[in-house]
């Protein structure tokens, strides 16, 4: 497998109890290894390294940790107007983690750069049926969907460079804000058995992002553990409130993911604490570390779980995927309401 050795790491999940102060994951070297119902076979007395090794084996043998199929499809928009916070990386790797554990996931690439399409290993050159033609109504979702070569349960509607002009073309169209919702309706995806639809947005708040918000019930916000982490999030929340008020009353921020966490710095802990105090239970306990493997994987057209399944990044996204799947779509994180 490309990428070298499969190193396992400490657990990426921290636990808070009323009797002990909060600790950000990774900072102090000892972390809670009790994954209980999440990972059968890991007991409260396992060491963090032992727990990580057990989870790594489950990545290689996913049938042992299969998640139950959902009774209702969940549509999640992954958005943050600030660039470089890990939107595409989070979309692709969360989708891969869920597919690895038995769920069927469709990733809709709405970023003209097409990075999610690259990471999933699907064709996205000009002329390929894509999210651009989908928005214009020239193709159906089933005609645009491609299967990732890495998993039969991982599907993608790619983005091509043609999508760069969609913002202008959509302005004059009827029901311009709801075109993606119509294209991804239950009828349009009937028979595919999709559990999750994840929409990867561009780093802007234009019509493409608005279409993504109208099509979804949930918003997932990746926030990097660095200075200026919350810069722009306020404007994003205001836009979510506008979409709620005028276009999609059921939209809410269900999930916040802390990305690019560096346990060697005090700043990462401070940012993580600030985000948790602001967003509360919407923040996943699993945090995504800054990882060379996570950065290298897209260059091989892979998620980090395919590129190096034993790496810290792969383990983190595996944990985050299970945590996301365990949450109800409407009960956690109603921040923007």
C-alpha atoms as a PDB file:
ATOM      1  CA  UNK A   1       0.000   0.000   0.000  1.00  0.00           C
ATOM      2  CA  UNK A   2       1.460   3.451  -0.849  1.00  0.00           C
ATOM      3  CA  UNK A   3       2.497   5.721   1.943  1.00  0.00           C
ATOM      4  CA  UNK A   4       4.816   3.495   4.000  1.00  0.00           C
ATOM      5  CA  UNK A   5       4.301   1.965   7.404  1.00  0.00           C
ATOM      6  CA  UNK A   6       0.962   1.667   9.133  1.00  0.00           C
ATOM      7  CA  UNK A   7       1.606   3.431  12.411  1.00  0.00           C
ATOM      8  CA  UNK A   8      -1.098   3.398  15.016  1.00  0.00           C
ATOM      9  CA  UNK A   9      -1.588   6.221  17.440  1.00  0.00           C
ATOM     10  CA  UNK A  10      -3.252   7.270  20.607  1.00  0.00           C
ATOM     11  CA  UNK A  11      -7.023   7.523  20.730  1.00  0.00           C
ATOM     12  CA  UNK A  12      -8.534  10.583  19.148  1.00  0.00           C
ATOM     13  CA  UNK A  13     -11.504  10.790  21.493  1.00  0.00           C
ATOM     14  CA  UNK A  14     -11.578  12.681  24.762  1.00  0.00           C
ATOM     15  CA  UNK A  15     -14.276  12.260  27.367  1.00  0.00           C
ATOM     16  CA  UNK A  16     -15.776  14.799  29.738  1.00  0.00           C
ATOM     17  CA  UNK A  17     -17.399  13.895  33.044  1.00  0.00           C
ATOM     18  CA  UNK A  18     -18.826  16.146  35.765  1.00  0.00           C
ATOM     19  CA  UNK A  19     -16.085  15.035  38.171  1.00  0.00           C
ATOM     20  CA  UNK A  20     -13.076  15.902  36.047  1.00  0.00           C
ATOM     21  CA  UNK A  21     -11.993  18.948  34.031  1.00  0.00           C
ATOM     22  CA  UNK A  22     -12.146  18.914  30.257  1.00  0.00           C
ATOM     23  CA  UNK A  23      -9.023  17.902  28.370  1.00  0.00           C
ATOM     24  CA  UNK A  24      -8.597  18.345  24.666  1.00  0.00           C
ATOM     25  CA  UNK A  25      -7.781  15.164  22.780  1.00  0.00           C
ATOM     26  CA  UNK A  26      -4.118  14.391  22.325  1.00  0.00           C
ATOM     27  CA  UNK A  27      -2.641  17.078  24.565  1.00  0.00           C
ATOM     28  CA  UNK A  28      -1.504  15.110  27.599  1.00  0.00           C
ATOM     29  CA  UNK A  29      -0.544  11.774  26.116  1.00  0.00           C
ATOM     30  CA  UNK A  30      -3.106   9.632  28.008  1.00  0.00           C
ATOM     31  CA  UNK A  31      -6.571   9.448  26.566  1.00  0.00           C
ATOM     32  CA  UNK A  32      -9.707   7.476  27.136  1.00  0.00           C
ATOM     33  CA  UNK A  33      -9.680   4.151  25.290  1.00  0.00           C
ATOM     34  CA  UNK A  34     -13.183   3.089  26.269  1.00  0.00           C
ATOM     35  CA  UNK A  35     -15.115   3.037  23.013  1.00  0.00           C
ATOM     36  CA  UNK A  36     -17.818   0.819  24.527  1.00  0.00           C
ATOM     37  CA  UNK A  37     -20.583   0.229  22.057  1.00  0.00           C
ATOM     38  CA  UNK A  38     -18.704   1.970  19.236  1.00  0.00           C
ATOM     39  CA  UNK A  39     -15.993  -0.656  18.963  1.00  0.00           C
ATOM     40  CA  UNK A  40     -16.855  -4.175  20.152  1.00  0.00           C
ATOM     41  CA  UNK A  41     -13.854  -5.852  21.718  1.00  0.00           C
ATOM     42  CA  UNK A  42     -12.273  -2.737  23.251  1.00  0.00           C
ATOM     43  CA  UNK A  43     -12.617  -2.711  27.028  1.00  0.00           C
ATOM     44  CA  UNK A  44     -12.176   0.187  29.477  1.00  0.00           C
ATOM     45  CA  UNK A  45      -8.857  -1.258  30.658  1.00  0.00           C
ATOM     46  CA  UNK A  46      -7.224  -1.369  27.227  1.00  0.00           C
ATOM     47  CA  UNK A  47      -4.259   0.932  26.677  1.00  0.00           C
ATOM     48  CA  UNK A  48      -4.643   3.685  24.072  1.00  0.00           C
ATOM     49  CA  UNK A  49      -2.108   1.940  21.810  1.00  0.00           C
ATOM     50  CA  UNK A  50      -3.941  -1.363  22.189  1.00  0.00           C
ATOM     51  CA  UNK A  51      -7.240   0.313  21.378  1.00  0.00           C
ATOM     52  CA  UNK A  52      -5.746   1.989  18.313  1.00  0.00           C
ATOM     53  CA  UNK A  53      -4.314  -1.321  17.124  1.00  0.00           C
ATOM     54  CA  UNK A  54      -7.725  -2.941  17.509  1.00  0.00           C
ATOM     55  CA  UNK A  55      -9.366  -0.167  15.485  1.00  0.00           C
ATOM     56  CA  UNK A  56      -6.688  -0.458  12.795  1.00  0.00           C
ATOM     57  CA  UNK A  57      -7.497  -4.155  12.421  1.00  0.00           C
ATOM     58  CA  UNK A  58     -11.161  -3.223  12.075  1.00  0.00           C
ATOM     59  CA  UNK A  59     -10.312  -0.879   9.190  1.00  0.00           C
ATOM     60  CA  UNK A  60      -8.709  -3.824   7.426  1.00  0.00           C
ATOM     61  CA  UNK A  61     -11.667  -6.088   8.322  1.00  0.00           C
ATOM     62  CA  UNK A  62     -14.672  -3.719   8.211  1.00  0.00           C
ATOM     63  CA  UNK A  63     -17.301  -6.480   8.370  1.00  0.00           C
ATOM     64  CA  UNK A  64     -16.608  -6.682  12.107  1.00  0.00           C
ATOM     65  CA  UNK A  65     -17.778  -3.097  12.741  1.00  0.00           C
ATOM     66  CA  UNK A  66     -20.605  -2.695  10.228  1.00  0.00           C
ATOM     67  CA  UNK A  67     -23.000   0.125  11.073  1.00  0.00           C
ATOM     68  CA  UNK A  68     -26.768  -0.429  10.842  1.00  0.00           C
ATOM     69  CA  UNK A  69     -28.486   0.929   7.740  1.00  0.00           C
ATOM     70  CA  UNK A  70     -30.374   4.183   8.249  1.00  0.00           C
ATOM     71  CA  UNK A  71     -34.156   4.252   8.088  1.00  0.00           C
ATOM     72  CA  UNK A  72     -34.017   7.670   6.405  1.00  0.00           C
ATOM     73  CA  UNK A  73     -31.407   9.204   4.140  1.00  0.00           C
ATOM     74  CA  UNK A  74     -29.367  12.011   5.742  1.00  0.00           C
ATOM     75  CA  UNK A  75     -28.263  14.927   3.550  1.00  0.00           C
ATOM     76  CA  UNK A  76     -25.368  16.929   4.997  1.00  0.00           C
ATOM     77  CA  UNK A  77     -23.818  20.084   3.560  1.00  0.00           C
ATOM     78  CA  UNK A  78     -20.157  20.571   4.478  1.00  0.00           C
ATOM     79  CA  UNK A  79     -19.513  24.300   4.462  1.00  0.00           C
ATOM     80  CA  UNK A  80     -17.185  27.016   5.701  1.00  0.00           C
ATOM     81  CA  UNK A  81     -16.526  30.150   3.718  1.00  0.00           C
ATOM     82  CA  UNK A  82     -12.921  30.187   4.958  1.00  0.00           C
ATOM     83  CA  UNK A  83     -10.630  28.239   2.638  1.00  0.00           C
ATOM     84  CA  UNK A  84      -8.125  25.637   3.760  1.00  0.00           C
ATOM     85  CA  UNK A  85     -10.048  24.395   6.804  1.00  0.00           C
ATOM     86  CA  UNK A  86     -10.449  20.819   5.575  1.00  0.00           C
ATOM     87  CA  UNK A  87     -13.908  20.834   3.958  1.00  0.00           C
ATOM     88  CA  UNK A  88     -13.044  18.531   1.076  1.00  0.00           C
ATOM     89  CA  UNK A  89     -10.730  16.368   3.162  1.00  0.00           C
ATOM     90  CA  UNK A  90     -13.450  15.937   5.769  1.00  0.00           C
ATOM     91  CA  UNK A  91     -16.148  15.202   3.167  1.00  0.00           C
ATOM     92  CA  UNK A  92     -14.106  12.532   1.408  1.00  0.00           C
ATOM     93  CA  UNK A  93     -12.691  10.836   4.484  1.00  0.00           C
ATOM     94  CA  UNK A  94     -15.941  10.824   6.447  1.00  0.00           C
ATOM     95  CA  UNK A  95     -17.673   9.343   3.395  1.00  0.00           C
ATOM     96  CA  UNK A  96     -14.939   6.731   3.080  1.00  0.00           C
ATOM     97  CA  UNK A  97     -15.157   5.885   6.798  1.00  0.00           C
ATOM     98  CA  UNK A  98     -18.928   5.395   6.592  1.00  0.00           C
ATOM     99  CA  UNK A  99     -18.691   3.324   3.392  1.00  0.00           C
ATOM    100  CA  UNK A 100     -15.972   1.178   4.957  1.00  0.00           C
ATOM    101  CA  UNK A 101     -18.378   0.361   7.764  1.00  0.00           C
ATOM    102  CA  UNK A 102     -21.240  -0.769   5.558  1.00  0.00           C
ATOM    103  CA  UNK A 103     -23.178   2.393   4.685  1.00  0.00           C
ATOM    104  CA  UNK A 104     -23.753   3.721   1.174  1.00  0.00           C
ATOM    105  CA  UNK A 105     -22.580   7.316   0.760  1.00  0.00           C
ATOM    106  CA  UNK A 106     -22.975   9.758  -2.119  1.00  0.00           C
ATOM    107  CA  UNK A 107     -20.542  12.683  -2.278  1.00  0.00           C
ATOM    108  CA  UNK A 108     -21.734  15.612  -4.389  1.00  0.00           C
ATOM    109  CA  UNK A 109     -18.786  17.763  -5.458  1.00  0.00           C
ATOM    110  CA  UNK A 110     -19.961  21.386  -5.766  1.00  0.00           C
ATOM    111  CA  UNK A 111     -16.482  22.918  -5.798  1.00  0.00           C
ATOM    112  CA  UNK A 112     -15.296  23.836  -9.336  1.00  0.00           C
ATOM    113  CA  UNK A 113     -11.763  22.812  -8.330  1.00  0.00           C
ATOM    114  CA  UNK A 114     -12.988  19.205  -8.244  1.00  0.00           C
ATOM    115  CA  UNK A 115     -10.711  18.170  -5.394  1.00  0.00           C
ATOM    116  CA  UNK A 116     -13.257  15.780  -3.877  1.00  0.00           C
ATOM    117  CA  UNK A 117     -13.613  14.071  -7.256  1.00  0.00           C
ATOM    118  CA  UNK A 118      -9.836  13.687  -7.462  1.00  0.00           C
ATOM    119  CA  UNK A 119      -9.583  12.205  -3.979  1.00  0.00           C
ATOM    120  CA  UNK A 120     -12.330   9.695  -4.768  1.00  0.00           C
ATOM    121  CA  UNK A 121     -10.597   8.555  -7.929  1.00  0.00           C
ATOM    122  CA  UNK A 122     -13.431   9.359 -10.353  1.00  0.00           C
ATOM    123  CA  UNK A 123     -13.211  11.000 -13.766  1.00  0.00           C
ATOM    124  CA  UNK A 124     -13.976  14.713 -13.760  1.00  0.00           C
ATOM    125  CA  UNK A 125     -12.687  16.132 -17.021  1.00  0.00           C
ATOM    126  CA  UNK A 126     -14.808  18.409 -19.180  1.00  0.00           C
ATOM    127  CA  UNK A 127     -17.564  16.469 -20.910  1.00  0.00           C
ATOM    128  CA  UNK A 128     -18.168  14.030 -18.059  1.00  0.00           C
ATOM    129  CA  UNK A 129     -21.722  14.259 -16.617  1.00  0.00           C
ATOM    130  CA  UNK A 130     -21.229  16.312 -13.476  1.00  0.00           C
ATOM    131  CA  UNK A 131     -22.828  18.538 -10.873  1.00  0.00           C
ATOM    132  CA  UNK A 132     -22.834  21.360 -13.448  1.00  0.00           C
ATOM    133  CA  UNK A 133     -25.161  19.505 -15.830  1.00  0.00           C
ATOM    134  CA  UNK A 134     -27.154  18.303 -12.819  1.00  0.00           C
ATOM    135  CA  UNK A 135     -27.847  21.871 -11.698  1.00  0.00           C
ATOM    136  CA  UNK A 136     -28.839  22.907 -15.216  1.00  0.00           C
ATOM    137  CA  UNK A 137     -31.210  19.945 -15.483  1.00  0.00           C
ATOM    138  CA  UNK A 138     -29.362  18.397 -18.429  1.00  0.00           C
ATOM    139  CA  UNK A 139     -28.714  15.066 -16.668  1.00  0.00           C
ATOM    140  CA  UNK A 140     -30.307  13.148 -13.802  1.00  0.00           C
ATOM    141  CA  UNK A 141     -28.511  12.232 -10.598  1.00  0.00           C
ATOM    142  CA  UNK A 142     -28.307   8.580 -11.646  1.00  0.00           C
ATOM    143  CA  UNK A 143     -26.705   9.586 -14.944  1.00  0.00           C
ATOM    144  CA  UNK A 144     -24.088  11.719 -13.174  1.00  0.00           C
ATOM    145  CA  UNK A 145     -23.211   9.302 -10.362  1.00  0.00           C
ATOM    146  CA  UNK A 146     -19.931   7.411 -10.599  1.00  0.00           C
ATOM    147  CA  UNK A 147     -18.751   4.630  -8.315  1.00  0.00           C
ATOM    148  CA  UNK A 148     -15.416   5.145  -6.588  1.00  0.00           C
ATOM    149  CA  UNK A 149     -12.885   2.422  -7.456  1.00  0.00           C
ATOM    150  CA  UNK A 150     -12.126   2.081  -3.738  1.00  0.00           C
ATOM    151  CA  UNK A 151     -15.555   0.909  -2.573  1.00  0.00           C
ATOM    152  CA  UNK A 152     -18.829  -0.191  -4.181  1.00  0.00           C
ATOM    153  CA  UNK A 153     -20.662   1.755  -1.448  1.00  0.00           C
ATOM    154  CA  UNK A 154     -18.860   5.027  -2.210  1.00  0.00           C
ATOM    155  CA  UNK A 155     -20.547   7.098  -4.926  1.00  0.00           C
ATOM    156  CA  UNK A 156     -19.707  10.505  -6.356  1.00  0.00           C
ATOM    157  CA  UNK A 157     -21.245  13.165  -8.556  1.00  0.00           C
ATOM    158  CA  UNK A 158     -18.064  14.874  -9.765  1.00  0.00           C
ATOM    159  CA  UNK A 159     -17.348  18.532 -10.443  1.00  0.00           C
ATOM    160  CA  UNK A 160     -15.710  19.738 -13.639  1.00  0.00           C
ATOM    161  CA  UNK A 161     -14.236  23.109 -14.522  1.00  0.00           C
ATOM    162  CA  UNK A 162     -17.555  23.920 -16.234  1.00  0.00           C
ATOM    163  CA  UNK A 163     -19.035  24.448 -12.759  1.00  0.00           C
ATOM    164  CA  UNK A 164     -17.028  27.687 -12.471  1.00  0.00           C
ATOM    165  CA  UNK A 165     -19.617  29.427 -14.665  1.00  0.00           C
ATOM    166  CA  UNK A 166     -22.646  28.013 -12.898  1.00  0.00           C
ATOM    167  CA  UNK A 167     -22.979  30.917 -10.461  1.00  0.00           C
ATOM    168  CA  UNK A 168     -23.645  33.294 -13.354  1.00  0.00           C
ATOM    169  CA  UNK A 169     -25.906  30.913 -15.283  1.00  0.00           C
ATOM    170  CA  UNK A 170     -28.047  30.123 -12.243  1.00  0.00           C
ATOM    171  CA  UNK A 171     -28.908  33.790 -11.638  1.00  0.00           C
ATOM    172  CA  UNK A 172     -31.446  33.928 -14.465  1.00  0.00           C
ATOM    173  CA  UNK A 173     -32.983  30.484 -13.837  1.00  0.00           C
ATOM    174  CA  UNK A 174     -36.352  29.724 -12.276  1.00  0.00           C
ATOM    175  CA  UNK A 175     -36.117  28.370  -8.699  1.00  0.00           C
ATOM    176  CA  UNK A 176     -32.373  28.882  -8.848  1.00  0.00           C
ATOM    177  CA  UNK A 177     -31.832  28.163  -5.133  1.00  0.00           C
ATOM    178  CA  UNK A 178     -33.663  24.834  -5.175  1.00  0.00           C
ATOM    179  CA  UNK A 179     -32.287  23.128  -8.254  1.00  0.00           C
ATOM    180  CA  UNK A 180     -29.958  20.790  -6.369  1.00  0.00           C
ATOM    181  CA  UNK A 181     -32.730  19.798  -3.959  1.00  0.00           C
ATOM    182  CA  UNK A 182     -34.918  18.802  -6.886  1.00  0.00           C
ATOM    183  CA  UNK A 183     -32.061  16.895  -8.516  1.00  0.00           C
ATOM    184  CA  UNK A 184     -31.357  14.943  -5.299  1.00  0.00           C
ATOM    185  CA  UNK A 185     -34.959  14.175  -4.379  1.00  0.00           C
ATOM    186  CA  UNK A 186     -35.962  10.766  -3.023  1.00  0.00           C
ATOM    187  CA  UNK A 187     -37.434   9.904  -6.405  1.00  0.00           C
ATOM    188  CA  UNK A 188     -34.216  10.837  -8.210  1.00  0.00           C
ATOM    189  CA  UNK A 189     -32.124   8.581  -5.944  1.00  0.00           C
ATOM    190  CA  UNK A 190     -34.684   5.793  -5.625  1.00  0.00           C
ATOM    191  CA  UNK A 191     -33.260   2.290  -5.643  1.00  0.00           C
ATOM    192  CA  UNK A 192     -29.682   3.239  -4.822  1.00  0.00           C
ATOM    193  CA  UNK A 193     -29.964   2.526  -1.092  1.00  0.00           C
ATOM    194  CA  UNK A 194     -28.095   5.696  -0.131  1.00  0.00           C
ATOM    195  CA  UNK A 195     -27.709   6.345   3.610  1.00  0.00           C
ATOM    196  CA  UNK A 196     -25.761   9.624   3.499  1.00  0.00           C
ATOM    197  CA  UNK A 197     -25.480  12.390   0.921  1.00  0.00           C
ATOM    198  CA  UNK A 198     -22.525  14.684   1.614  1.00  0.00           C
ATOM    199  CA  UNK A 199     -22.303  17.924  -0.358  1.00  0.00           C
ATOM    200  CA  UNK A 200     -18.841  19.478  -0.599  1.00  0.00           C
ATOM    201  CA  UNK A 201     -19.191  23.254  -1.008  1.00  0.00           C
ATOM    202  CA  UNK A 202     -16.792  25.818  -2.464  1.00  0.00           C
ATOM    203  CA  UNK A 203     -15.115  28.282  -0.040  1.00  0.00           C
ATOM    204  CA  UNK A 204     -17.698  30.992  -0.710  1.00  0.00           C
ATOM    205  CA  UNK A 205     -21.303  31.848   0.105  1.00  0.00           C
ATOM    206  CA  UNK A 206     -22.691  32.125  -3.414  1.00  0.00           C
ATOM    207  CA  UNK A 207     -25.505  30.332  -5.212  1.00  0.00           C
ATOM    208  CA  UNK A 208     -23.713  26.981  -5.214  1.00  0.00           C
ATOM    209  CA  UNK A 209     -23.489  26.977  -1.415  1.00  0.00           C
ATOM    210  CA  UNK A 210     -27.078  28.221  -1.115  1.00  0.00           C
ATOM    211  CA  UNK A 211     -28.218  25.333  -3.341  1.00  0.00           C
ATOM    212  CA  UNK A 212     -26.351  22.935  -1.065  1.00  0.00           C
ATOM    213  CA  UNK A 213     -28.051  24.388   2.024  1.00  0.00           C
ATOM    214  CA  UNK A 214     -31.503  24.221   0.492  1.00  0.00           C
ATOM    215  CA  UNK A 215     -30.932  20.574  -0.484  1.00  0.00           C
ATOM    216  CA  UNK A 216     -29.827  19.492   3.017  1.00  0.00           C
ATOM    217  CA  UNK A 217     -31.242  19.290   6.518  1.00  0.00           C
ATOM    218  CA  UNK A 218     -27.866  19.377   8.236  1.00  0.00           C
ATOM    219  CA  UNK A 219     -24.767  21.538   8.014  1.00  0.00           C
ATOM    220  CA  UNK A 220     -21.369  20.202   9.072  1.00  0.00           C
ATOM    221  CA  UNK A 221     -18.753  22.889   9.731  1.00  0.00           C
ATOM    222  CA  UNK A 222     -15.053  21.940   9.756  1.00  0.00           C
ATOM    223  CA  UNK A 223     -13.005  24.331  11.914  1.00  0.00           C
ATOM    224  CA  UNK A 224      -9.222  24.153  12.026  1.00  0.00           C
ATOM    225  CA  UNK A 225      -7.468  24.367  15.394  1.00  0.00           C
ATOM    226  CA  UNK A 226      -5.502  27.482  14.489  1.00  0.00           C
ATOM    227  CA  UNK A 227      -5.625  31.216  15.009  1.00  0.00           C
ATOM    228  CA  UNK A 228      -8.591  32.922  13.307  1.00  0.00           C
ATOM    229  CA  UNK A 229     -10.443  29.592  13.530  1.00  0.00           C
ATOM    230  CA  UNK A 230     -13.837  31.236  13.997  1.00  0.00           C
ATOM    231  CA  UNK A 231     -13.216  33.991  11.459  1.00  0.00           C
ATOM    232  CA  UNK A 232     -16.009  33.823   8.914  1.00  0.00           C
ATOM    233  CA  UNK A 233     -18.087  31.320  10.856  1.00  0.00           C
ATOM    234  CA  UNK A 234     -20.331  34.131  12.119  1.00  0.00           C
ATOM    235  CA  UNK A 235     -21.191  35.142   8.565  1.00  0.00           C
ATOM    236  CA  UNK A 236     -21.806  31.500   7.675  1.00  0.00           C
ATOM    237  CA  UNK A 237     -24.244  31.150  10.577  1.00  0.00           C
ATOM    238  CA  UNK A 238     -26.061  34.332   9.485  1.00  0.00           C
ATOM    239  CA  UNK A 239     -26.417  32.895   5.981  1.00  0.00           C
ATOM    240  CA  UNK A 240     -27.757  29.648   7.428  1.00  0.00           C
ATOM    241  CA  UNK A 241     -30.345  31.669   9.348  1.00  0.00           C
ATOM    242  CA  UNK A 242     -31.375  33.453   6.137  1.00  0.00           C
ATOM    243  CA  UNK A 243     -31.778  30.127   4.334  1.00  0.00           C
ATOM    244  CA  UNK A 244     -33.804  28.852   7.305  1.00  0.00           C
ATOM    245  CA  UNK A 245     -36.078  31.868   7.250  1.00  0.00           C
ATOM    246  CA  UNK A 246     -36.763  31.968   3.529  1.00  0.00           C
ATOM    247  CA  UNK A 247     -35.926  28.672   1.849  1.00  0.00           C
ATOM    248  CA  UNK A 248     -35.358  25.706   4.181  1.00  0.00           C
ATOM    249  CA  UNK A 249     -36.817  25.872   7.716  1.00  0.00           C
ATOM    250  CA  UNK A 250     -35.439  22.428   8.646  1.00  0.00           C
ATOM    251  CA  UNK A 251     -31.797  23.412   8.076  1.00  0.00           C
ATOM    252  CA  UNK A 252     -29.579  23.397  11.186  1.00  0.00           C
ATOM    253  CA  UNK A 253     -25.952  23.029  12.195  1.00  0.00           C
ATOM    254  CA  UNK A 254     -25.805  19.453  13.415  1.00  0.00           C
ATOM    255  CA  UNK A 255     -22.043  18.868  13.527  1.00  0.00           C
ATOM    256  CA  UNK A 256     -18.764  20.704  14.007  1.00  0.00           C
ATOM    257  CA  UNK A 257     -15.470  18.895  13.329  1.00  0.00           C
ATOM    258  CA  UNK A 258     -12.150  20.129  14.723  1.00  0.00           C
ATOM    259  CA  UNK A 259      -9.457  19.648  12.078  1.00  0.00           C
ATOM    260  CA  UNK A 260      -5.670  20.127  11.831  1.00  0.00           C
ATOM    261  CA  UNK A 261      -5.235  19.553  15.560  1.00  0.00           C
ATOM    262  CA  UNK A 262      -1.617  19.685  16.728  1.00  0.00           C
ATOM    263  CA  UNK A 263      -1.328  18.293  20.247  1.00  0.00           C
ATOM    264  CA  UNK A 264       2.151  19.788  20.671  1.00  0.00           C
ATOM    265  CA  UNK A 265       0.802  23.325  20.840  1.00  0.00           C
ATOM    266  CA  UNK A 266      -1.139  25.074  23.543  1.00  0.00           C
ATOM    267  CA  UNK A 267      -2.929  27.100  20.868  1.00  0.00           C
ATOM    268  CA  UNK A 268      -4.695  23.984  19.560  1.00  0.00           C
ATOM    269  CA  UNK A 269      -6.104  23.296  23.024  1.00  0.00           C
ATOM    270  CA  UNK A 270      -7.237  26.892  23.420  1.00  0.00           C
ATOM    271  CA  UNK A 271      -9.000  26.919  20.052  1.00  0.00           C
ATOM    272  CA  UNK A 272     -10.622  23.539  20.739  1.00  0.00           C
ATOM    273  CA  UNK A 273     -11.906  24.764  24.126  1.00  0.00           C
ATOM    274  CA  UNK A 274     -13.252  27.954  22.559  1.00  0.00           C
ATOM    275  CA  UNK A 275     -15.069  26.063  19.796  1.00  0.00           C
ATOM    276  CA  UNK A 276     -16.553  23.568  22.290  1.00  0.00           C
ATOM    277  CA  UNK A 277     -17.744  26.354  24.576  1.00  0.00           C
ATOM    278  CA  UNK A 278     -19.424  28.106  21.644  1.00  0.00           C
ATOM    279  CA  UNK A 279     -20.942  25.120  19.796  1.00  0.00           C
ATOM    280  CA  UNK A 280     -21.448  22.713  22.702  1.00  0.00           C
ATOM    281  CA  UNK A 281     -22.579  19.180  21.916  1.00  0.00           C
ATOM    282  CA  UNK A 282     -22.501  19.793  18.170  1.00  0.00           C
ATOM    283  CA  UNK A 283     -18.699  19.385  18.267  1.00  0.00           C
ATOM    284  CA  UNK A 284     -17.594  15.810  17.682  1.00  0.00           C
ATOM    285  CA  UNK A 285     -15.455  14.354  20.460  1.00  0.00           C
ATOM    286  CA  UNK A 286     -13.185  12.926  17.773  1.00  0.00           C
ATOM    287  CA  UNK A 287     -10.672  15.474  16.511  1.00  0.00           C
ATOM    288  CA  UNK A 288      -8.689  15.268  13.283  1.00  0.00           C
ATOM    289  CA  UNK A 289      -4.919  15.667  13.789  1.00  0.00           C
ATOM    290  CA  UNK A 290      -2.596  17.490  11.471  1.00  0.00           C
ATOM    291  CA  UNK A 291      -1.215  14.591   9.441  1.00  0.00           C
ATOM    292  CA  UNK A 292       1.146  14.154   6.525  1.00  0.00           C
ATOM    293  CA  UNK A 293      -0.738  11.020   5.490  1.00  0.00           C
ATOM    294  CA  UNK A 294      -4.025  12.926   5.247  1.00  0.00           C
ATOM    295  CA  UNK A 295      -2.309  15.495   3.012  1.00  0.00           C
ATOM    296  CA  UNK A 296      -0.605  12.888   0.808  1.00  0.00           C
ATOM    297  CA  UNK A 297      -3.643  10.664   0.167  1.00  0.00           C
ATOM    298  CA  UNK A 298      -5.434  12.862  -2.456  1.00  0.00           C
ATOM    299  CA  UNK A 299      -2.295  12.807  -4.609  1.00  0.00           C
ATOM    300  CA  UNK A 300      -2.896   9.094  -5.090  1.00  0.00           C
ATOM    301  CA  UNK A 301      -6.632   9.532  -5.716  1.00  0.00           C
ATOM    302  CA  UNK A 302      -7.426   7.997  -2.334  1.00  0.00           C
ATOM    303  CA  UNK A 303      -8.887   8.754   1.051  1.00  0.00           C
ATOM    304  CA  UNK A 304      -6.495   8.399   3.969  1.00  0.00           C
ATOM    305  CA  UNK A 305      -8.333   5.209   4.999  1.00  0.00           C
ATOM    306  CA  UNK A 306      -7.318   3.611   1.693  1.00  0.00           C
ATOM    307  CA  UNK A 307      -3.869   5.203   1.572  1.00  0.00           C
ATOM    308  CA  UNK A 308      -2.718   4.353   5.110  1.00  0.00           C
ATOM    309  CA  UNK A 309      -5.433   2.676   7.198  1.00  0.00           C
ATOM    310  CA  UNK A 310      -3.230   2.460  10.294  1.00  0.00           C
ATOM    311  CA  UNK A 311      -2.358   6.151  10.422  1.00  0.00           C
ATOM    312  CA  UNK A 312      -3.585   8.611  13.019  1.00  0.00           C
ATOM    313  CA  UNK A 313      -5.618  10.429  10.394  1.00  0.00           C
ATOM    314  CA  UNK A 314      -7.402   7.257   9.292  1.00  0.00           C
ATOM    315  CA  UNK A 315      -8.209   6.301  12.875  1.00  0.00           C
ATOM    316  CA  UNK A 316      -9.524   9.796  13.581  1.00  0.00           C
ATOM    317  CA  UNK A 317     -11.882   9.793  10.600  1.00  0.00           C
ATOM    318  CA  UNK A 318     -13.033   6.268  11.435  1.00  0.00           C
ATOM    319  CA  UNK A 319     -13.971   7.466  14.934  1.00  0.00           C
ATOM    320  CA  UNK A 320     -15.608  10.621  13.576  1.00  0.00           C
ATOM    321  CA  UNK A 321     -17.652   8.619  11.065  1.00  0.00           C
ATOM    322  CA  UNK A 322     -19.002   6.280  13.737  1.00  0.00           C
ATOM    323  CA  UNK A 323     -19.813   9.224  15.987  1.00  0.00           C
ATOM    324  CA  UNK A 324     -21.613  11.019  13.160  1.00  0.00           C
ATOM    325  CA  UNK A 325     -23.626   7.928  12.264  1.00  0.00           C
ATOM    326  CA  UNK A 326     -24.596   7.389  15.900  1.00  0.00           C
ATOM    327  CA  UNK A 327     -26.141  10.844  16.157  1.00  0.00           C
ATOM    328  CA  UNK A 328     -29.715  11.549  15.253  1.00  0.00           C
ATOM    329  CA  UNK A 329     -29.976  13.983  12.333  1.00  0.00           C
ATOM    330  CA  UNK A 330     -32.241  16.372  14.202  1.00  0.00           C
ATOM    331  CA  UNK A 331     -31.380  16.211  17.889  1.00  0.00           C
ATOM    332  CA  UNK A 332     -27.822  17.529  18.111  1.00  0.00           C
ATOM    333  CA  UNK A 333     -26.531  20.990  17.432  1.00  0.00           C
ATOM    334  CA  UNK A 334     -29.368  23.385  16.678  1.00  0.00           C
ATOM    335  CA  UNK A 335     -26.971  26.324  16.881  1.00  0.00           C
ATOM    336  CA  UNK A 336     -28.310  28.299  13.983  1.00  0.00           C
ATOM    337  CA  UNK A 337     -31.926  27.997  14.994  1.00  0.00           C
END
